[in-house]
Protein backbone atom coordinates (compact mmCIF):
# COMPACT_ATOMS: atom_id res chain seq x y z
CA UNK A 1 -12.91 -172.21 -98.77
CA UNK A 2 -15.46 -174.90 -96.64
CA UNK A 3 -17.39 -173.01 -93.79
CA UNK A 4 -16.78 -174.13 -90.67
CA UNK A 5 -19.05 -173.96 -87.18
CA UNK A 6 -17.29 -172.25 -84.24
CA UNK A 7 -16.29 -176.04 -82.86
CA UNK A 8 -14.23 -176.61 -85.37
CA UNK A 9 -12.80 -174.01 -85.63
CA UNK A 10 -11.70 -173.05 -81.94
CA UNK A 11 -10.45 -176.62 -81.96
CA UNK A 12 -8.66 -176.03 -84.17
CA UNK A 13 -7.47 -172.65 -82.88
CA UNK A 14 -6.81 -174.69 -79.72
CA UNK A 15 -4.16 -177.14 -81.85
CA UNK A 16 -2.53 -174.47 -83.90
CA UNK A 17 -1.53 -172.16 -81.29
CA UNK A 18 -0.68 -174.66 -78.80
CA UNK A 19 1.45 -175.99 -81.30
CA UNK A 20 3.27 -172.42 -82.26
CA UNK A 21 3.88 -172.38 -78.04
CA UNK A 22 5.50 -175.63 -77.70
CA UNK A 23 7.94 -174.72 -80.77
CA UNK A 24 8.80 -171.41 -78.89
CA UNK A 25 9.52 -172.68 -75.90
CA UNK A 26 13.36 -173.60 -76.92
CA UNK A 27 13.11 -169.88 -77.63
CA UNK A 28 15.11 -168.35 -74.84
CA UNK A 29 14.73 -165.05 -73.34
CA UNK A 30 17.70 -161.90 -75.10
CA UNK A 31 17.43 -158.92 -76.28
CA UNK A 32 16.86 -160.12 -79.77
CA UNK A 33 14.42 -162.95 -79.10
CA UNK A 34 11.96 -159.86 -78.37
CA UNK A 35 9.90 -161.08 -81.07
CA UNK A 36 9.37 -164.83 -80.30
CA UNK A 37 9.01 -163.49 -77.13
CA UNK A 38 6.06 -160.80 -78.07
CA UNK A 39 4.89 -164.44 -79.87
CA UNK A 40 4.50 -166.41 -77.02
CA UNK A 41 2.97 -163.18 -75.19
CA UNK A 42 -0.03 -162.72 -77.61
CA UNK A 43 -0.47 -167.15 -78.59
CA UNK A 44 -0.67 -167.65 -74.90
CA UNK A 45 -3.06 -164.12 -74.49
CA UNK A 46 -5.05 -166.32 -77.20
CA UNK A 47 -5.85 -169.74 -75.38
CA UNK A 48 -6.44 -167.80 -72.37
CA UNK A 49 -8.92 -166.62 -73.51
CA UNK A 50 -10.57 -169.37 -75.51
CA UNK A 51 -10.10 -171.22 -71.79
CA UNK A 52 -13.32 -169.47 -70.80
CA UNK A 53 -15.42 -170.98 -73.45
CA UNK A 54 -17.85 -173.70 -72.14
CA UNK A 55 -16.40 -176.65 -74.13
CA UNK A 56 -12.62 -175.56 -74.04
CA UNK A 57 -12.20 -178.64 -71.44
CA UNK A 58 -13.57 -181.58 -73.51
CA UNK A 59 -11.58 -180.30 -76.94
CA UNK A 60 -8.22 -179.69 -76.30
CA UNK A 61 -7.81 -177.05 -73.32
CA UNK A 62 -7.64 -178.82 -70.42
CA UNK A 63 -4.61 -177.84 -68.90
CA UNK A 64 -3.28 -174.31 -67.07
CA UNK A 65 -1.89 -171.78 -70.09
CA UNK A 66 0.73 -170.35 -67.88
CA UNK A 67 1.34 -172.80 -66.08
CA UNK A 68 2.43 -175.03 -69.39
CA UNK A 69 3.93 -171.94 -71.07
CA UNK A 70 5.28 -170.01 -68.61
CA UNK A 71 6.52 -166.61 -70.14
CA UNK A 72 9.53 -166.03 -67.57
């Protein structure tokens, strides 16, 4: 496995989590989709945490996670 620096890892995480949340945005909240809701919540929390990184905005996280991916 090729080792990466923190900047590369965080940039890839931003892209990956954003992709996952975009794919899950079409899942409607219903009792049989609780697992998907849990996934959305976890991914959004991860992005919100990464947003505290000083270089987050310049690396693809220049948006409000809660507004772009609402959990309700």
